[in-house]
Amino acid sequence: MIANKISNFFHQTNLNLFLNSWHWLYAGLGIGLTALALAWFMGKRLGVTGGFVDACSLATGSVSSSWRIWFLIGLPLGGLVATIGQWNWTLTYGTLDAFTYGDPWIKGIWLFLSGIMIGFGARWAGGCTSGNSIMGVALGSKMSILATLGFLAAGAIVANILFKAVL
């Protein structure tokens, strides 16, 4: 009887964690607490750009820390775990498919060039938007706070331009 209740509890917890959308407040709090715990208890910074640098350094054999590589591997695996039981996803990208007429070559070139631009911007800003906005601001970095304000201002300007262009 008790084992059945425990099993039911974990089953319901699994359903609530992975099948239902999280409220933005709880998701943000979880990301923030994870970043702070990583910084305070392990002295490490959470960020995708550093993990990508470590993954690229596998080719030269000069990996500075392997935990970031596991972090990068865990991102798509976490997404996969979150979709278990919901196998109705496709390889379409919504508006990008409409913009590229669904042509996989145009879509691939578009995504490749976008990745280069994101990499350039991340290198120029000293880290990606999430790394600067989550870790940098949490650690009180003045440059990260300035970069985050720039990200927000640019996003607001571009969103207004696009909104007015569409309407």
Protein backbone atom coordinates (compact mmCIF):
# COMPACT_ATOMS: atom_id res chain seq x y z
CA MET A 1 0.00 0.00 0.00
CA ILE A 2 2.76 2.47 0.94
CA ALA A 3 4.88 1.40 -2.03
CA ASN A 4 1.90 2.03 -4.31
CA LYS A 5 1.44 5.55 -2.87
CA ILE A 6 5.15 6.33 -3.30
CA SER A 7 5.05 5.04 -6.87
CA ASN A 8 1.95 7.14 -7.59
CA PHE A 9 3.62 10.23 -6.07
CA PHE A 10 6.70 9.90 -8.31
CA HIS A 11 4.51 9.22 -11.34
CA GLN A 12 2.46 12.39 -10.70
CA THR A 13 5.66 14.41 -10.04
CA ASN A 14 7.11 13.18 -13.32
CA LEU A 15 3.93 14.17 -15.15
CA ASN A 16 3.87 17.62 -13.55
CA LEU A 17 7.57 18.29 -14.20
CA PHE A 18 7.82 17.09 -17.78
CA LEU A 19 4.39 17.11 -19.38
CA ASN A 20 3.00 20.43 -18.17
CA SER A 21 4.44 23.86 -18.93
CA TRP A 22 6.19 25.54 -16.06
CA HIS A 23 5.07 28.96 -14.91
CA TRP A 24 7.66 31.55 -15.97
CA LEU A 25 8.33 32.53 -12.36
CA TYR A 26 9.24 28.99 -11.29
CA ALA A 27 11.35 28.35 -14.39
CA GLY A 28 13.24 31.62 -13.92
CA LEU A 29 13.72 30.95 -10.22
CA GLY A 30 15.08 27.49 -11.03
CA ILE A 31 17.56 28.87 -13.57
CA GLY A 32 18.65 31.63 -11.20
CA LEU A 33 19.12 29.31 -8.23
CA THR A 34 21.05 26.84 -10.39
CA ALA A 35 23.37 29.60 -11.63
CA LEU A 36 23.96 30.98 -8.13
CA ALA A 37 24.53 27.54 -6.62
CA LEU A 38 27.05 26.72 -9.33
CA ALA A 39 28.89 29.99 -8.69
CA TRP A 40 28.77 29.91 -4.89
CA PHE A 41 29.41 26.24 -4.20
CA MET A 42 31.60 25.21 -7.11
CA GLY A 43 33.13 28.52 -8.24
CA LYS A 44 32.03 27.90 -11.83
CA ARG A 45 30.07 30.00 -14.32
CA LEU A 46 27.03 28.72 -16.18
CA GLY A 47 27.07 29.49 -19.88
CA VAL A 48 26.73 27.87 -23.27
CA THR A 49 29.52 29.82 -24.97
CA GLY A 50 32.19 28.47 -22.62
CA GLY A 51 30.86 24.96 -23.13
CA PHE A 52 31.00 25.38 -26.89
CA VAL A 53 34.61 26.59 -26.63
CA ASP A 54 35.46 23.50 -24.56
CA ALA A 55 33.67 21.25 -27.06
CA CYS A 56 35.63 22.80 -29.95
CA SER A 57 38.88 22.38 -28.01
CA LEU A 58 38.35 18.60 -28.07
CA ALA A 59 39.90 18.69 -31.54
CA THR A 60 43.18 20.05 -30.14
CA GLY A 61 43.08 17.96 -26.98
CA SER A 62 43.26 21.01 -24.70
CA VAL A 63 39.93 20.80 -22.89
CA SER A 64 39.96 23.04 -19.85
CA SER A 65 36.90 21.53 -18.14
CA SER A 66 34.78 18.57 -19.15
CA TRP A 67 31.72 19.48 -17.06
CA ARG A 68 30.72 22.13 -19.63
CA ILE A 69 30.73 19.52 -22.39
CA TRP A 70 28.34 17.40 -20.33
CA PHE A 71 26.25 20.53 -19.78
CA LEU A 72 26.03 21.01 -23.56
CA ILE A 73 25.10 17.36 -24.08
CA GLY A 74 22.48 17.68 -21.35
CA LEU A 75 20.66 20.56 -23.05
CA PRO A 76 19.24 18.56 -25.97
CA LEU A 77 18.89 15.46 -23.79
CA GLY A 78 16.82 17.49 -21.33
CA GLY A 79 14.62 18.62 -24.20
CA LEU A 80 14.27 15.02 -25.31
CA VAL A 81 13.29 13.89 -21.82
CA ALA A 82 10.78 16.74 -21.62
CA THR A 83 9.09 15.52 -24.81
CA ILE A 84 8.79 11.88 -23.78
CA GLY A 85 5.18 10.90 -24.23
CA GLN A 86 4.53 13.84 -26.55
CA TRP A 87 5.85 12.52 -29.84
CA ASN A 88 3.90 14.96 -32.00
CA TRP A 89 6.82 17.26 -32.77
CA THR A 90 8.19 17.80 -36.26
CA LEU A 91 11.33 19.21 -37.82
CA THR A 92 9.50 22.33 -38.98
CA TYR A 93 10.40 25.77 -37.71
CA GLY A 94 7.14 27.67 -38.19
CA THR A 95 7.86 31.14 -39.54
CA LEU A 96 11.34 30.13 -40.72
CA ASP A 97 9.78 27.47 -42.93
CA ALA A 98 7.39 30.06 -44.37
CA PHE A 99 10.28 32.48 -44.93
CA THR A 100 12.48 29.87 -46.64
CA TYR A 101 9.57 28.22 -48.51
CA GLY A 102 10.34 25.00 -46.63
CA ASP A 103 13.50 24.43 -48.68
CA PRO A 104 15.96 22.54 -46.44
CA TRP A 105 18.99 24.04 -48.24
CA ILE A 106 17.84 27.63 -47.76
CA LYS A 107 16.87 26.86 -44.17
CA GLY A 108 20.28 25.25 -43.52
CA ILE A 109 22.16 28.22 -44.99
CA TRP A 110 19.98 30.63 -43.01
CA LEU A 111 20.60 28.75 -39.75
CA PHE A 112 24.34 28.44 -40.46
CA LEU A 113 24.73 32.18 -41.14
CA SER A 114 22.60 32.98 -38.11
CA GLY A 115 24.84 30.78 -35.97
CA ILE A 116 27.93 32.61 -37.23
CA MET A 117 26.33 35.95 -36.37
CA ILE A 118 25.34 34.72 -32.91
CA GLY A 119 28.87 33.41 -32.35
CA PHE A 120 30.36 36.73 -33.46
CA GLY A 121 28.01 38.63 -31.16
CA ALA A 122 28.75 36.31 -28.24
CA ARG A 123 32.48 36.74 -28.75
CA TRP A 124 32.13 40.51 -29.06
CA ALA A 125 29.97 40.78 -25.91
CA GLY A 126 32.23 38.47 -23.89
CA GLY A 127 29.61 35.71 -23.73
CA CYS A 128 26.16 34.84 -24.96
CA THR A 129 23.02 36.72 -23.97
CA SER A 130 22.01 34.10 -21.43
CA GLY A 131 25.49 33.92 -19.92
CA ASN A 132 25.74 37.68 -19.54
CA SER A 133 22.16 38.14 -18.40
CA ILE A 134 22.01 35.22 -15.97
CA MET A 135 25.52 34.73 -14.61
CA GLY A 136 27.05 38.14 -15.25
CA VAL A 137 24.21 40.09 -13.68
CA ALA A 138 23.99 37.62 -10.77
CA LEU A 139 27.70 38.13 -10.09
CA GLY A 140 27.37 41.92 -10.36
CA SER A 141 29.51 42.37 -13.48
CA LYS A 142 29.08 45.94 -14.73
CA MET A 143 29.84 44.91 -18.32
CA SER A 144 27.23 42.14 -18.17
CA ILE A 145 24.65 44.55 -16.81
CA LEU A 146 25.49 46.97 -19.64
CA ALA A 147 25.34 44.15 -22.22
CA THR A 148 21.98 42.98 -20.85
CA LEU A 149 20.57 46.50 -21.08
CA GLY A 150 21.82 46.61 -24.68
CA PHE A 151 20.15 43.25 -25.43
CA LEU A 152 16.86 44.49 -23.97
CA ALA A 153 17.01 47.84 -25.79
CA ALA A 154 17.87 46.21 -29.12
CA GLY A 155 15.08 43.67 -28.65
CA ALA A 156 12.53 46.38 -27.88
CA ILE A 157 13.61 48.47 -30.89
CA VAL A 158 13.60 45.54 -33.33
CA ALA A 159 10.26 44.26 -31.99
CA ASN A 160 8.70 47.71 -32.49
CA ILE A 161 10.12 48.02 -36.00
CA LEU A 162 8.87 44.56 -36.97
CA PHE A 163 5.50 45.13 -35.28
CA LYS A 164 4.96 48.35 -37.20
CA ALA A 165 6.18 46.77 -40.46
CA VAL A 166 3.71 43.89 -40.14
CA LEU A 167 0.73 46.08 -39.26
